[in-house]
Amino acid sequence: MPDQLIADVARVCHDANRAWQIATGDPAVSPPWDEAPEWQRESAVDGVRQAQNGATAEQLHQSWCDFKTADGWVYGPTKDEAKKTHPCLVPYSELPADQLRKDDLFAAIVAALTTKEPHDV
């Protein structure tokens, strides 16, 4: 898949994630794609590549955790970019239902936007 298409799909996933955060009352809503820090955009792009290669929602979550911890993030009861804490840095099985749905949504968007060739649409 061309890099530009991967970036476009990552943008859609990010914006859908942001909309889900708003809908579920998340206290730390991600900024819009164009205002998101580079690390956040890179994480979305990486997630798209992995989902396209067949990663499950659970595997995507573990990869996200690995990405965050490699950057110095740790578990914390609230998301705090300055302190690098995040409440979702837990095993997939311990995520609340709204977070599980968010991972499912990400994987579903990647599948919907990457499984058909343009001439098949």
PDB file of N, CA and C in Angstrom:
ATOM      1  N   MET A   1       0.852  -1.161   0.000  1.00  0.00           N
ATOM      2  CA  MET A   1       0.000   0.000   0.000  1.00  0.00           C
ATOM      3  C   MET A   1       0.910   1.241   0.000  1.00  0.00           C
ATOM      4  N   PRO A   2       0.597   2.194  -0.845  1.00  0.00           N
ATOM      5  CA  PRO A   2       1.421   3.418  -0.892  1.00  0.00           C
ATOM      6  C   PRO A   2       1.398   4.171   0.436  1.00  0.00           C
ATOM      7  N   ASP A   3       2.510   4.815   0.744  1.00  0.00           N
ATOM      8  CA  ASP A   3       2.626   5.552   2.007  1.00  0.00           C
ATOM      9  C   ASP A   3       1.531   6.600   2.176  1.00  0.00           C
ATOM     10  N   GLN A   4       1.152   7.277   1.086  1.00  0.00           N
ATOM     11  CA  GLN A   4       0.126   8.313   1.196  1.00  0.00           C
ATOM     12  C   GLN A   4      -1.215   7.703   1.582  1.00  0.00           C
ATOM     13  N   LEU A   5      -1.544   6.533   1.024  1.00  0.00           N
ATOM     14  CA  LEU A   5      -2.806   5.876   1.385  1.00  0.00           C
ATOM     15  C   LEU A   5      -2.775   5.440   2.850  1.00  0.00           C
ATOM     16  N   ILE A   6      -1.634   4.932   3.303  1.00  0.00           N
ATOM     17  CA  ILE A   6      -1.507   4.549   4.712  1.00  0.00           C
ATOM     18  C   ILE A   6      -1.737   5.771   5.600  1.00  0.00           C
ATOM     19  N   ALA A   7      -1.136   6.896   5.234  1.00  0.00           N
ATOM     20  CA  ALA A   7      -1.313   8.126   6.020  1.00  0.00           C
ATOM     21  C   ALA A   7      -2.768   8.585   5.993  1.00  0.00           C
ATOM     22  N   ASP A   8      -3.433   8.452   4.838  1.00  0.00           N
ATOM     23  CA  ASP A   8      -4.836   8.851   4.736  1.00  0.00           C
ATOM     24  C   ASP A   8      -5.719   7.975   5.622  1.00  0.00           C
ATOM     25  N   VAL A   9      -5.474   6.677   5.623  1.00  0.00           N
ATOM     26  CA  VAL A   9      -6.245   5.762   6.463  1.00  0.00           C
ATOM     27  C   VAL A   9      -5.956   6.045   7.943  1.00  0.00           C
ATOM     28  N   ALA A  10      -4.702   6.333   8.264  1.00  0.00           N
ATOM     29  CA  ALA A  10      -4.344   6.662   9.641  1.00  0.00           C
ATOM     30  C   ALA A  10      -5.089   7.916  10.102  1.00  0.00           C
ATOM     31  N   ARG A  11      -5.228   8.889   9.204  1.00  0.00           N
ATOM     32  CA  ARG A  11      -5.967  10.116   9.532  1.00  0.00           C
ATOM     33  C   ARG A  11      -7.429   9.776   9.852  1.00  0.00           C
ATOM     34  N   VAL A  12      -8.044   8.925   9.038  1.00  0.00           N
ATOM     35  CA  VAL A  12      -9.442   8.547   9.271  1.00  0.00           C
ATOM     36  C   VAL A  12      -9.563   7.817  10.609  1.00  0.00           C
ATOM     37  N   CYS A  13      -8.638   6.894  10.875  1.00  0.00           N
ATOM     38  CA  CYS A  13      -8.666   6.162  12.144  1.00  0.00           C
ATOM     39  C   CYS A  13      -8.501   7.114  13.324  1.00  0.00           C
ATOM     40  N   HIS A  14      -7.576   8.033  13.205  1.00  0.00           N
ATOM     41  CA  HIS A  14      -7.344   8.995  14.285  1.00  0.00           C
ATOM     42  C   HIS A  14      -8.593   9.833  14.538  1.00  0.00           C
ATOM     43  N   ASP A  15      -9.189  10.333  13.461  1.00  0.00           N
ATOM     44  CA  ASP A  15     -10.375  11.181  13.622  1.00  0.00           C
ATOM     45  C   ASP A  15     -11.568  10.397  14.151  1.00  0.00           C
ATOM     46  N   ALA A  16     -11.688   9.129  13.756  1.00  0.00           N
ATOM     47  CA  ALA A  16     -12.758   8.286  14.299  1.00  0.00           C
ATOM     48  C   ALA A  16     -12.512   8.027  15.782  1.00  0.00           C
ATOM     49  N   ASN A  17     -11.269   7.772  16.139  1.00  0.00           N
ATOM     50  CA  ASN A  17     -10.906   7.580  17.541  1.00  0.00           C
ATOM     51  C   ASN A  17     -11.252   8.839  18.341  1.00  0.00           C
ATOM     52  N   ARG A  18     -10.937   9.991  17.788  1.00  0.00           N
ATOM     53  CA  ARG A  18     -11.232  11.261  18.452  1.00  0.00           C
ATOM     54  C   ARG A  18     -12.747  11.426  18.637  1.00  0.00           C
ATOM     55  N   ALA A  19     -13.508  11.103  17.602  1.00  0.00           N
ATOM     56  CA  ALA A  19     -14.968  11.199  17.700  1.00  0.00           C
ATOM     57  C   ALA A  19     -15.491  10.244  18.773  1.00  0.00           C
ATOM     58  N   TRP A  20     -14.925   9.044  18.842  1.00  0.00           N
ATOM     59  CA  TRP A  20     -15.329   8.077  19.869  1.00  0.00           C
ATOM     60  C   TRP A  20     -14.994   8.611  21.262  1.00  0.00           C
ATOM     61  N   GLN A  21     -13.831   9.240  21.397  1.00  0.00           N
ATOM     62  CA  GLN A  21     -13.464   9.827  22.684  1.00  0.00           C
ATOM     63  C   GLN A  21     -14.499  10.875  23.111  1.00  0.00           C
ATOM     64  N   ILE A  22     -14.903  11.713  22.177  1.00  0.00           N
ATOM     65  CA  ILE A  22     -15.888  12.747  22.472  1.00  0.00           C
ATOM     66  C   ILE A  22     -17.223  12.094  22.856  1.00  0.00           C
ATOM     67  N   ALA A  23     -17.637  11.102  22.071  1.00  0.00           N
ATOM     68  CA  ALA A  23     -18.927  10.437  22.306  1.00  0.00           C
ATOM     69  C   ALA A  23     -18.983   9.734  23.655  1.00  0.00           C
ATOM     70  N   THR A  24     -17.843   9.223  24.117  1.00  0.00           N
ATOM     71  CA  THR A  24     -17.827   8.482  25.379  1.00  0.00           C
ATOM     72  C   THR A  24     -17.422   9.351  26.569  1.00  0.00           C
ATOM     73  N   GLY A  25     -17.243  10.643  26.338  1.00  0.00           N
ATOM     74  CA  GLY A  25     -16.918  11.544  27.435  1.00  0.00           C
ATOM     75  C   GLY A  25     -15.497  11.423  27.952  1.00  0.00           C
ATOM     76  N   ASP A  26     -14.592  10.984  27.101  1.00  0.00           N
ATOM     77  CA  ASP A  26     -13.185  10.875  27.489  1.00  0.00           C
ATOM     78  C   ASP A  26     -12.685  12.247  27.949  1.00  0.00           C
ATOM     79  N   PRO A  27     -12.059  12.328  29.120  1.00  0.00           N
ATOM     80  CA  PRO A  27     -11.594  13.630  29.613  1.00  0.00           C
ATOM     81  C   PRO A  27     -10.340  14.155  28.907  1.00  0.00           C
ATOM     82  N   ALA A  28      -9.683  13.321  28.115  1.00  0.00           N
ATOM     83  CA  ALA A  28      -8.445  13.730  27.436  1.00  0.00           C
ATOM     84  C   ALA A  28      -8.555  13.422  25.943  1.00  0.00           C
ATOM     85  N   VAL A  29      -9.412  14.166  25.259  1.00  0.00           N
ATOM     86  CA  VAL A  29      -9.644  13.938  23.836  1.00  0.00           C
ATOM     87  C   VAL A  29      -8.401  14.314  23.035  1.00  0.00           C
ATOM     88  N   SER A  30      -8.035  13.443  22.095  1.00  0.00           N
ATOM     89  CA  SER A  30      -6.894  13.716  21.228  1.00  0.00           C
ATOM     90  C   SER A  30      -7.165  14.932  20.353  1.00  0.00           C
ATOM     91  N   PRO A  31      -6.119  15.651  19.996  1.00  0.00           N
ATOM     92  CA  PRO A  31      -6.319  16.796  19.106  1.00  0.00           C
ATOM     93  C   PRO A  31      -6.638  16.318  17.693  1.00  0.00           C
ATOM     94  N   PRO A  32      -7.185  17.199  16.848  1.00  0.00           N
ATOM     95  CA  PRO A  32      -7.401  16.831  15.444  1.00  0.00           C
ATOM     96  C   PRO A  32      -6.069  16.412  14.799  1.00  0.00           C
ATOM     97  N   TRP A  33      -6.138  15.616  13.757  1.00  0.00           N
ATOM     98  CA  TRP A  33      -4.960  15.067  13.079  1.00  0.00           C
ATOM     99  C   TRP A  33      -3.911  16.140  12.781  1.00  0.00           C
ATOM    100  N   ASP A  34      -4.334  17.248  12.200  1.00  0.00           N
ATOM    101  CA  ASP A  34      -3.369  18.284  11.806  1.00  0.00           C
ATOM    102  C   ASP A  34      -2.703  18.959  13.002  1.00  0.00           C
ATOM    103  N   GLU A  35      -3.277  18.828  14.182  1.00  0.00           N
ATOM    104  CA  GLU A  35      -2.695  19.411  15.387  1.00  0.00           C
ATOM    105  C   GLU A  35      -2.045  18.353  16.279  1.00  0.00           C
ATOM    106  N   ALA A  36      -2.175  17.096  15.911  1.00  0.00           N
ATOM    107  CA  ALA A  36      -1.634  16.008  16.730  1.00  0.00           C
ATOM    108  C   ALA A  36      -0.113  16.013  16.673  1.00  0.00           C
ATOM    109  N   PRO A  37       0.532  15.691  17.796  1.00  0.00           N
ATOM    110  CA  PRO A  37       1.991  15.604  17.780  1.00  0.00           C
ATOM    111  C   PRO A  37       2.456  14.484  16.853  1.00  0.00           C
ATOM    112  N   GLU A  38       3.653  14.615  16.376  1.00  0.00           N
ATOM    113  CA  GLU A  38       4.211  13.649  15.427  1.00  0.00           C
ATOM    114  C   GLU A  38       4.150  12.221  15.970  1.00  0.00           C
ATOM    115  N   TRP A  39       4.443  12.029  17.267  1.00  0.00           N
ATOM    116  CA  TRP A  39       4.431  10.680  17.827  1.00  0.00           C
ATOM    117  C   TRP A  39       3.046  10.054  17.716  1.00  0.00           C
ATOM    118  N   GLN A  40       1.997  10.880  17.840  1.00  0.00           N
ATOM    119  CA  GLN A  40       0.634  10.356  17.779  1.00  0.00           C
ATOM    120  C   GLN A  40       0.284   9.952  16.344  1.00  0.00           C
ATOM    121  N   ARG A  41       0.718  10.749  15.379  1.00  0.00           N
ATOM    122  CA  ARG A  41       0.472  10.397  13.972  1.00  0.00           C
ATOM    123  C   ARG A  41       1.268   9.149  13.595  1.00  0.00           C
ATOM    124  N   GLU A  42       2.514   9.065  14.067  1.00  0.00           N
ATOM    125  CA  GLU A  42       3.338   7.880  13.784  1.00  0.00           C
ATOM    126  C   GLU A  42       2.709   6.618  14.367  1.00  0.00           C
ATOM    127  N   SER A  43       2.144   6.739  15.556  1.00  0.00           N
ATOM    128  CA  SER A  43       1.493   5.594  16.191  1.00  0.00           C
ATOM    129  C   SER A  43       0.308   5.119  15.350  1.00  0.00           C
ATOM    130  N   ALA A  44      -0.477   6.058  14.821  1.00  0.00           N
ATOM    131  CA  ALA A  44      -1.625   5.688  13.985  1.00  0.00           C
ATOM    132  C   ALA A  44      -1.169   5.030  12.695  1.00  0.00           C
ATOM    133  N   VAL A  45      -0.137   5.570  12.077  1.00  0.00           N
ATOM    134  CA  VAL A  45       0.397   4.986  10.836  1.00  0.00           C
ATOM    135  C   VAL A  45       0.894   3.571  11.098  1.00  0.00           C
ATOM    136  N   ASP A  46       1.615   3.388  12.192  1.00  0.00           N
ATOM    137  CA  ASP A  46       2.110   2.061  12.555  1.00  0.00           C
ATOM    138  C   ASP A  46       0.944   1.093  12.774  1.00  0.00           C
ATOM    139  N   GLY A  47      -0.096   1.572  13.443  1.00  0.00           N
ATOM    140  CA  GLY A  47      -1.272   0.733  13.673  1.00  0.00           C
ATOM    141  C   GLY A  47      -1.947   0.322  12.379  1.00  0.00           C
ATOM    142  N   VAL A  48      -2.021   1.226  11.418  1.00  0.00           N
ATOM    143  CA  VAL A  48      -2.616   0.893  10.114  1.00  0.00           C
ATOM    144  C   VAL A  48      -1.803  -0.191   9.434  1.00  0.00           C
ATOM    145  N   ARG A  49      -0.500  -0.046   9.429  1.00  0.00           N
ATOM    146  CA  ARG A  49       0.357  -1.062   8.793  1.00  0.00           C
ATOM    147  C   ARG A  49       0.147  -2.426   9.443  1.00  0.00           C
ATOM    148  N   GLN A  50       0.102  -2.442  10.771  1.00  0.00           N
ATOM    149  CA  GLN A  50      -0.075  -3.711  11.465  1.00  0.00           C
ATOM    150  C   GLN A  50      -1.451  -4.321  11.212  1.00  0.00           C
ATOM    151  N   ALA A  51      -2.484  -3.485  11.251  1.00  0.00           N
ATOM    152  CA  ALA A  51      -3.838  -3.997  10.997  1.00  0.00           C
ATOM    153  C   ALA A  51      -3.948  -4.535   9.579  1.00  0.00           C
ATOM    154  N   GLN A  52      -3.327  -3.850   8.643  1.00  0.00           N
ATOM    155  CA  GLN A  52      -3.356  -4.304   7.254  1.00  0.00           C
ATOM    156  C   GLN A  52      -2.665  -5.662   7.117  1.00  0.00           C
ATOM    157  N   ASN A  53      -1.702  -5.923   7.973  1.00  0.00           N
ATOM    158  CA  ASN A  53      -0.983  -7.200   7.948  1.00  0.00           C
ATOM    159  C   ASN A  53      -1.661  -8.271   8.797  1.00  0.00           C
ATOM    160  N   GLY A  54      -2.892  -7.983   9.246  1.00  0.00           N
ATOM    161  CA  GLY A  54      -3.671  -9.004   9.933  1.00  0.00           C
ATOM    162  C   GLY A  54      -3.656  -8.959  11.443  1.00  0.00           C
ATOM    163  N   ALA A  55      -3.063  -7.940  12.033  1.00  0.00           N
ATOM    164  CA  ALA A  55      -3.040  -7.862  13.499  1.00  0.00           C
ATOM    165  C   ALA A  55      -4.464  -7.748  14.039  1.00  0.00           C
ATOM    166  N   THR A  56      -4.722  -8.449  15.106  1.00  0.00           N
ATOM    167  CA  THR A  56      -6.023  -8.377  15.774  1.00  0.00           C
ATOM    168  C   THR A  56      -6.086  -7.108  16.619  1.00  0.00           C
ATOM    169  N   ALA A  57      -7.269  -6.783  17.108  1.00  0.00           N
ATOM    170  CA  ALA A  57      -7.416  -5.628  17.991  1.00  0.00           C
ATOM    171  C   ALA A  57      -6.522  -5.797  19.224  1.00  0.00           C
ATOM    172  N   GLU A  58      -6.451  -7.013  19.755  1.00  0.00           N
ATOM    173  CA  GLU A  58      -5.593  -7.258  20.919  1.00  0.00           C
ATOM    174  C   GLU A  58      -4.120  -7.037  20.579  1.00  0.00           C
ATOM    175  N   GLN A  59      -3.703  -7.512  19.418  1.00  0.00           N
ATOM    176  CA  GLN A  59      -2.320  -7.311  18.999  1.00  0.00           C
ATOM    177  C   GLN A  59      -2.030  -5.827  18.736  1.00  0.00           C
ATOM    178  N   LEU A  60      -3.001  -5.121  18.185  1.00  0.00           N
ATOM    179  CA  LEU A  60      -2.834  -3.684  17.974  1.00  0.00           C
ATOM    180  C   LEU A  60      -2.662  -2.963  19.308  1.00  0.00           C
ATOM    181  N   HIS A  61      -3.457  -3.361  20.295  1.00  0.00           N
ATOM    182  CA  HIS A  61      -3.339  -2.738  21.609  1.00  0.00           C
ATOM    183  C   HIS A  61      -1.961  -3.010  22.206  1.00  0.00           C
ATOM    184  N   GLN A  62      -1.492  -4.250  22.114  1.00  0.00           N
ATOM    185  CA  GLN A  62      -0.178  -4.583  22.681  1.00  0.00           C
ATOM    186  C   GLN A  62       0.920  -3.792  21.974  1.00  0.00           C
ATOM    187  N   SER A  63       0.801  -3.658  20.674  1.00  0.00           N
ATOM    188  CA  SER A  63       1.786  -2.885  19.924  1.00  0.00           C
ATOM    189  C   SER A  63       1.764  -1.425  20.359  1.00  0.00           C
ATOM    190  N   TRP A  64       0.554  -0.885  20.572  1.00  0.00           N
ATOM    191  CA  TRP A  64       0.418   0.488  21.047  1.00  0.00           C
ATOM    192  C   TRP A  64       1.079   0.630  22.418  1.00  0.00           C
ATOM    193  N   CYS A  65       0.843  -0.341  23.307  1.00  0.00           N
ATOM    194  CA  CYS A  65       1.471  -0.312  24.635  1.00  0.00           C
ATOM    195  C   CYS A  65       2.996  -0.329  24.500  1.00  0.00           C
ATOM    196  N   ASP A  66       3.500  -1.184  23.621  1.00  0.00           N
ATOM    197  CA  ASP A  66       4.949  -1.266  23.411  1.00  0.00           C
ATOM    198  C   ASP A  66       5.497   0.065  22.897  1.00  0.00           C
ATOM    199  N   PHE A  67       4.766   0.675  21.961  1.00  0.00           N
ATOM    200  CA  PHE A  67       5.158   1.963  21.382  1.00  0.00           C
ATOM    201  C   PHE A  67       5.221   3.021  22.486  1.00  0.00           C
ATOM    202  N   LYS A  68       4.197   3.048  23.335  1.00  0.00           N
ATOM    203  CA  LYS A  68       4.136   4.045  24.405  1.00  0.00           C
ATOM    204  C   LYS A  68       5.244   3.823  25.442  1.00  0.00           C
ATOM    205  N   THR A  69       5.400   2.581  25.887  1.00  0.00           N
ATOM    206  CA  THR A  69       6.401   2.325  26.931  1.00  0.00           C
ATOM    207  C   THR A  69       7.817   2.576  26.410  1.00  0.00           C
ATOM    208  N   ALA A  70       8.050   2.303  25.142  1.00  0.00           N
ATOM    209  CA  ALA A  70       9.364   2.581  24.556  1.00  0.00           C
ATOM    210  C   ALA A  70       9.657   4.083  24.567  1.00  0.00           C
ATOM    211  N   ASP A  71       8.593   4.881  24.568  1.00  0.00           N
ATOM    212  CA  ASP A  71       8.738   6.341  24.600  1.00  0.00           C
ATOM    213  C   ASP A  71       8.683   6.888  26.028  1.00  0.00           C
ATOM    214  N   GLY A  72       8.704   5.998  27.014  1.00  0.00           N
ATOM    215  CA  GLY A  72       8.762   6.441  28.404  1.00  0.00           C
ATOM    216  C   GLY A  72       7.429   6.560  29.126  1.00  0.00           C
ATOM    217  N   TRP A  73       6.331   6.175  28.475  1.00  0.00           N
ATOM    218  CA  TRP A  73       5.018   6.248  29.117  1.00  0.00           C
ATOM    219  C   TRP A  73       4.857   5.092  30.101  1.00  0.00           C
ATOM    220  N   VAL A  74       4.054   5.343  31.141  1.00  0.00           N
ATOM    221  CA  VAL A  74       3.738   4.335  32.149  1.00  0.00           C
ATOM    222  C   VAL A  74       2.244   4.396  32.451  1.00  0.00           C
ATOM    223  N   TYR A  75       1.766   3.360  33.122  1.00  0.00           N
ATOM    224  CA  TYR A  75       0.372   3.374  33.544  1.00  0.00           C
ATOM    225  C   TYR A  75       0.153   4.509  34.537  1.00  0.00           C
ATOM    226  N   GLY A  76      -0.984   5.156  34.410  1.00  0.00           N
ATOM    227  CA  GLY A  76      -1.420   6.168  35.362  1.00  0.00           C
ATOM    228  C   GLY A  76      -2.924   6.257  35.284  1.00  0.00           C
ATOM    229  N   PRO A  77      -3.590   6.673  36.349  1.00  0.00           N
ATOM    230  CA  PRO A  77      -5.053   6.695  36.357  1.00  0.00           C
ATOM    231  C   PRO A  77      -5.662   7.691  35.361  1.00  0.00           C
ATOM    232  N   THR A  78      -4.850   8.665  34.915  1.00  0.00           N
ATOM    233  CA  THR A  78      -5.327   9.632  33.922  1.00  0.00           C
ATOM    234  C   THR A  78      -4.274   9.811  32.838  1.00  0.00           C
ATOM    235  N   LYS A  79      -4.748  10.191  31.660  1.00  0.00           N
ATOM    236  CA  LYS A  79      -3.827  10.486  30.562  1.00  0.00           C
ATOM    237  C   LYS A  79      -3.219  11.859  30.826  1.00  0.00           C
ATOM    238  N   ASP A  80      -1.888  11.887  30.854  1.00  0.00           N
ATOM    239  CA  ASP A  80      -1.170  13.127  31.100  1.00  0.00           C
ATOM    240  C   ASP A  80       0.074  13.122  30.216  1.00  0.00           C
ATOM    241  N   GLU A  81       0.051  13.931  29.161  1.00  0.00           N
ATOM    242  CA  GLU A  81       1.177  13.942  28.222  1.00  0.00           C
ATOM    243  C   GLU A  81       2.457  14.438  28.873  1.00  0.00           C
ATOM    244  N   ALA A  82       2.363  15.386  29.786  1.00  0.00           N
ATOM    245  CA  ALA A  82       3.564  15.913  30.445  1.00  0.00           C
ATOM    246  C   ALA A  82       4.217  14.845  31.329  1.00  0.00           C
ATOM    247  N   LYS A  83       3.398  14.093  32.060  1.00  0.00           N
ATOM    248  CA  LYS A  83       3.918  13.042  32.940  1.00  0.00           C
ATOM    249  C   LYS A  83       4.087  11.711  32.213  1.00  0.00           C
ATOM    250  N   LYS A  84       3.560  11.642  30.985  1.00  0.00           N
ATOM    251  CA  LYS A  84       3.577  10.414  30.181  1.00  0.00           C
ATOM    252  C   LYS A  84       2.909   9.251  30.928  1.00  0.00           C
ATOM    253  N   THR A  85       1.689   9.524  31.406  1.00  0.00           N
ATOM    254  CA  THR A  85       0.897   8.465  32.029  1.00  0.00           C
ATOM    255  C   THR A  85      -0.363   8.240  31.203  1.00  0.00           C
ATOM    256  N   HIS A  86      -0.840   7.004  31.207  1.00  0.00           N
ATOM    257  CA  HIS A  86      -2.036   6.664  30.434  1.00  0.00           C
ATOM    258  C   HIS A  86      -2.760   5.504  31.105  1.00  0.00           C
ATOM    259  N   PRO A  87      -4.087   5.630  31.278  1.00  0.00           N
ATOM    260  CA  PRO A  87      -4.846   4.563  31.946  1.00  0.00           C
ATOM    261  C   PRO A  87      -5.032   3.302  31.096  1.00  0.00           C
ATOM    262  N   CYS A  88      -4.737   3.372  29.820  1.00  0.00           N
ATOM    263  CA  CYS A  88      -4.917   2.195  28.952  1.00  0.00           C
ATOM    264  C   CYS A  88      -3.646   1.354  28.815  1.00  0.00           C
ATOM    265  N   LEU A  89      -2.612   1.703  29.542  1.00  0.00           N
ATOM    266  CA  LEU A  89      -1.397   0.886  29.514  1.00  0.00           C
ATOM    267  C   LEU A  89      -1.562  -0.306  30.445  1.00  0.00           C
ATOM    268  N   VAL A  90      -2.505  -1.156  30.067  1.00  0.00           N
ATOM    269  CA  VAL A  90      -2.840  -2.374  30.798  1.00  0.00           C
ATOM    270  C   VAL A  90      -3.029  -3.491  29.767  1.00  0.00           C
ATOM    271  N   PRO A  91      -3.040  -4.739  30.206  1.00  0.00           N
ATOM    272  CA  PRO A  91      -3.334  -5.816  29.264  1.00  0.00           C
ATOM    273  C   PRO A  91      -4.710  -5.613  28.610  1.00  0.00           C
ATOM    274  N   TYR A  92      -4.830  -6.064  27.397  1.00  0.00           N
ATOM    275  CA  TYR A  92      -6.064  -5.918  26.616  1.00  0.00           C
ATOM    276  C   TYR A  92      -7.280  -6.403  27.402  1.00  0.00           C
ATOM    277  N   SER A  93      -7.134  -7.515  28.103  1.00  0.00           N
ATOM    278  CA  SER A  93      -8.253  -8.092  28.851  1.00  0.00           C
ATOM    279  C   SER A  93      -8.725  -7.206  29.999  1.00  0.00           C
ATOM    280  N   GLU A  94      -7.916  -6.217  30.376  1.00  0.00           N
ATOM    281  CA  GLU A  94      -8.276  -5.326  31.476  1.00  0.00           C
ATOM    282  C   GLU A  94      -8.836  -3.983  31.007  1.00  0.00           C
ATOM    283  N   LEU A  95      -8.915  -3.790  29.698  1.00  0.00           N
ATOM    284  CA  LEU A  95      -9.451  -2.533  29.176  1.00  0.00           C
ATOM    285  C   LEU A  95     -10.954  -2.447  29.413  1.00  0.00           C
ATOM    286  N   PRO A  96     -11.459  -1.242  29.691  1.00  0.00           N
ATOM    287  CA  PRO A  96     -12.911  -1.072  29.787  1.00  0.00           C
ATOM    288  C   PRO A  96     -13.555  -1.258  28.408  1.00  0.00           C
ATOM    289  N   ALA A  97     -14.843  -1.537  28.407  1.00  0.00           N
ATOM    290  CA  ALA A  97     -15.563  -1.839  27.163  1.00  0.00           C
ATOM    291  C   ALA A  97     -15.424  -0.750  26.112  1.00  0.00           C
ATOM    292  N   ASP A  98     -15.473   0.523  26.516  1.00  0.00           N
ATOM    293  CA  ASP A  98     -15.380   1.590  25.516  1.00  0.00           C
ATOM    294  C   ASP A  98     -14.009   1.614  24.845  1.00  0.00           C
ATOM    295  N   GLN A  99     -12.977   1.202  25.560  1.00  0.00           N
ATOM    296  CA  GLN A  99     -11.640   1.140  24.964  1.00  0.00           C
ATOM    297  C   GLN A  99     -11.507  -0.077  24.038  1.00  0.00           C
ATOM    298  N   LEU A 100     -12.134  -1.181  24.405  1.00  0.00           N
ATOM    299  CA  LEU A 100     -12.140  -2.353  23.517  1.00  0.00           C
ATOM    300  C   LEU A 100     -12.824  -2.002  22.197  1.00  0.00           C
ATOM    301  N   ARG A 101     -13.922  -1.290  22.284  1.00  0.00           N
ATOM    302  CA  ARG A 101     -14.638  -0.886  21.069  1.00  0.00           C
ATOM    303  C   ARG A 101     -13.788   0.042  20.214  1.00  0.00           C
ATOM    304  N   LYS A 102     -13.018   0.889  20.858  1.00  0.00           N
ATOM    305  CA  LYS A 102     -12.142   1.807  20.123  1.00  0.00           C
ATOM    306  C   LYS A 102     -11.114   1.020  19.304  1.00  0.00           C
ATOM    307  N   ASP A 103     -10.533  -0.021  19.897  1.00  0.00           N
ATOM    308  CA  ASP A 103      -9.572  -0.854  19.167  1.00  0.00           C
ATOM    309  C   ASP A 103     -10.265  -1.608  18.036  1.00  0.00           C
ATOM    310  N   ASP A 104     -11.475  -2.106  18.286  1.00  0.00           N
ATOM    311  CA  ASP A 104     -12.238  -2.783  17.233  1.00  0.00           C
ATOM    312  C   ASP A 104     -12.558  -1.821  16.090  1.00  0.00           C
ATOM    313  N   LEU A 105     -12.908  -0.593  16.434  1.00  0.00           N
ATOM    314  CA  LEU A 105     -13.220   0.426  15.433  1.00  0.00           C
ATOM    315  C   LEU A 105     -12.012   0.702  14.553  1.00  0.00           C
ATOM    316  N   PHE A 106     -10.852   0.842  15.151  1.00  0.00           N
ATOM    317  CA  PHE A 106      -9.616   1.086  14.402  1.00  0.00           C
ATOM    318  C   PHE A 106      -9.389  -0.039  13.385  1.00  0.00           C
ATOM    319  N   ALA A 107      -9.454  -1.278  13.854  1.00  0.00           N
ATOM    320  CA  ALA A 107      -9.220  -2.427  12.975  1.00  0.00           C
ATOM    321  C   ALA A 107     -10.265  -2.496  11.862  1.00  0.00           C
ATOM    322  N   ALA A 108     -11.518  -2.199  12.193  1.00  0.00           N
ATOM    323  CA  ALA A 108     -12.587  -2.246  11.191  1.00  0.00           C
ATOM    324  C   ALA A 108     -12.412  -1.168  10.127  1.00  0.00           C
ATOM    325  N   ILE A 109     -11.983   0.006  10.532  1.00  0.00           N
ATOM    326  CA  ILE A 109     -11.762   1.080   9.558  1.00  0.00           C
ATOM    327  C   ILE A 109     -10.634   0.698   8.608  1.00  0.00           C
ATOM    328  N   VAL A 110      -9.552   0.177   9.140  1.00  0.00           N
ATOM    329  CA  VAL A 110      -8.443  -0.233   8.276  1.00  0.00           C
ATOM    330  C   VAL A 110      -8.919  -1.291   7.284  1.00  0.00           C
ATOM    331  N   ALA A 111      -9.668  -2.275   7.765  1.00  0.00           N
ATOM    332  CA  ALA A 111     -10.171  -3.326   6.873  1.00  0.00           C
ATOM    333  C   ALA A 111     -11.083  -2.743   5.804  1.00  0.00           C
ATOM    334  N   ALA A 112     -11.970  -1.851   6.190  1.00  0.00           N
ATOM    335  CA  ALA A 112     -12.916  -1.277   5.237  1.00  0.00           C
ATOM    336  C   ALA A 112     -12.222  -0.432   4.176  1.00  0.00           C
ATOM    337  N   LEU A 113     -11.158   0.230   4.541  1.00  0.00           N
ATOM    338  CA  LEU A 113     -10.512   1.137   3.598  1.00  0.00           C
ATOM    339  C   LEU A 113      -9.342   0.542   2.839  1.00  0.00           C
ATOM    340  N   THR A 114      -8.962  -0.687   3.180  1.00  0.00           N
ATOM    341  CA  THR A 114      -7.784  -1.258   2.519  1.00  0.00           C
ATOM    342  C   THR A 114      -8.013  -2.617   1.867  1.00  0.00           C
ATOM    343  N   THR A 115      -9.170  -3.228   2.037  1.00  0.00           N
ATOM    344  CA  THR A 115      -9.336  -4.587   1.508  1.00  0.00           C
ATOM    345  C   THR A 115      -9.837  -4.631   0.075  1.00  0.00           C
ATOM    346  N   LYS A 116     -10.351  -3.528  -0.436  1.00  0.00           N
ATOM    347  CA  LYS A 116     -10.843  -3.510  -1.816  1.00  0.00           C
ATOM    348  C   LYS A 116      -9.931  -2.669  -2.678  1.00  0.00           C
ATOM    349  N   GLU A 117      -9.714  -3.137  -3.877  1.00  0.00           N
ATOM    350  CA  GLU A 117      -8.967  -2.356  -4.846  1.00  0.00           C
ATOM    351  C   GLU A 117      -9.885  -1.251  -5.351  1.00  0.00           C
ATOM    352  N   PRO A 118      -9.352  -0.094  -5.745  1.00  0.00           N
ATOM    353  CA  PRO A 118     -10.195   1.005  -6.201  1.00  0.00           C
ATOM    354  C   PRO A 118     -11.210   0.609  -7.289  1.00  0.00           C
ATOM    355  N   HIS A 119     -10.837  -0.297  -8.189  1.00  0.00           N
ATOM    356  CA  HIS A 119     -11.768  -0.688  -9.250  1.00  0.00           C
ATOM    357  C   HIS A 119     -12.904  -1.582  -8.735  1.00  0.00           C
ATOM    358  N   ASP A 120     -12.764  -2.110  -7.500  1.00  0.00           N
ATOM    359  CA  ASP A 120     -13.786  -2.963  -6.912  1.00  0.00           C
ATOM    360  C   ASP A 120     -14.857  -2.148  -6.191  1.00  0.00           C
ATOM    361  N   VAL A 121     -14.594  -0.879  -5.957  1.00  0.00           N
ATOM    362  CA  VAL A 121     -15.515  -0.062  -5.164  1.00  0.00           C
ATOM    363  C   VAL A 121     -16.709   0.361  -5.995  1.00  0.00           C
TER     364      VAL A 121
END
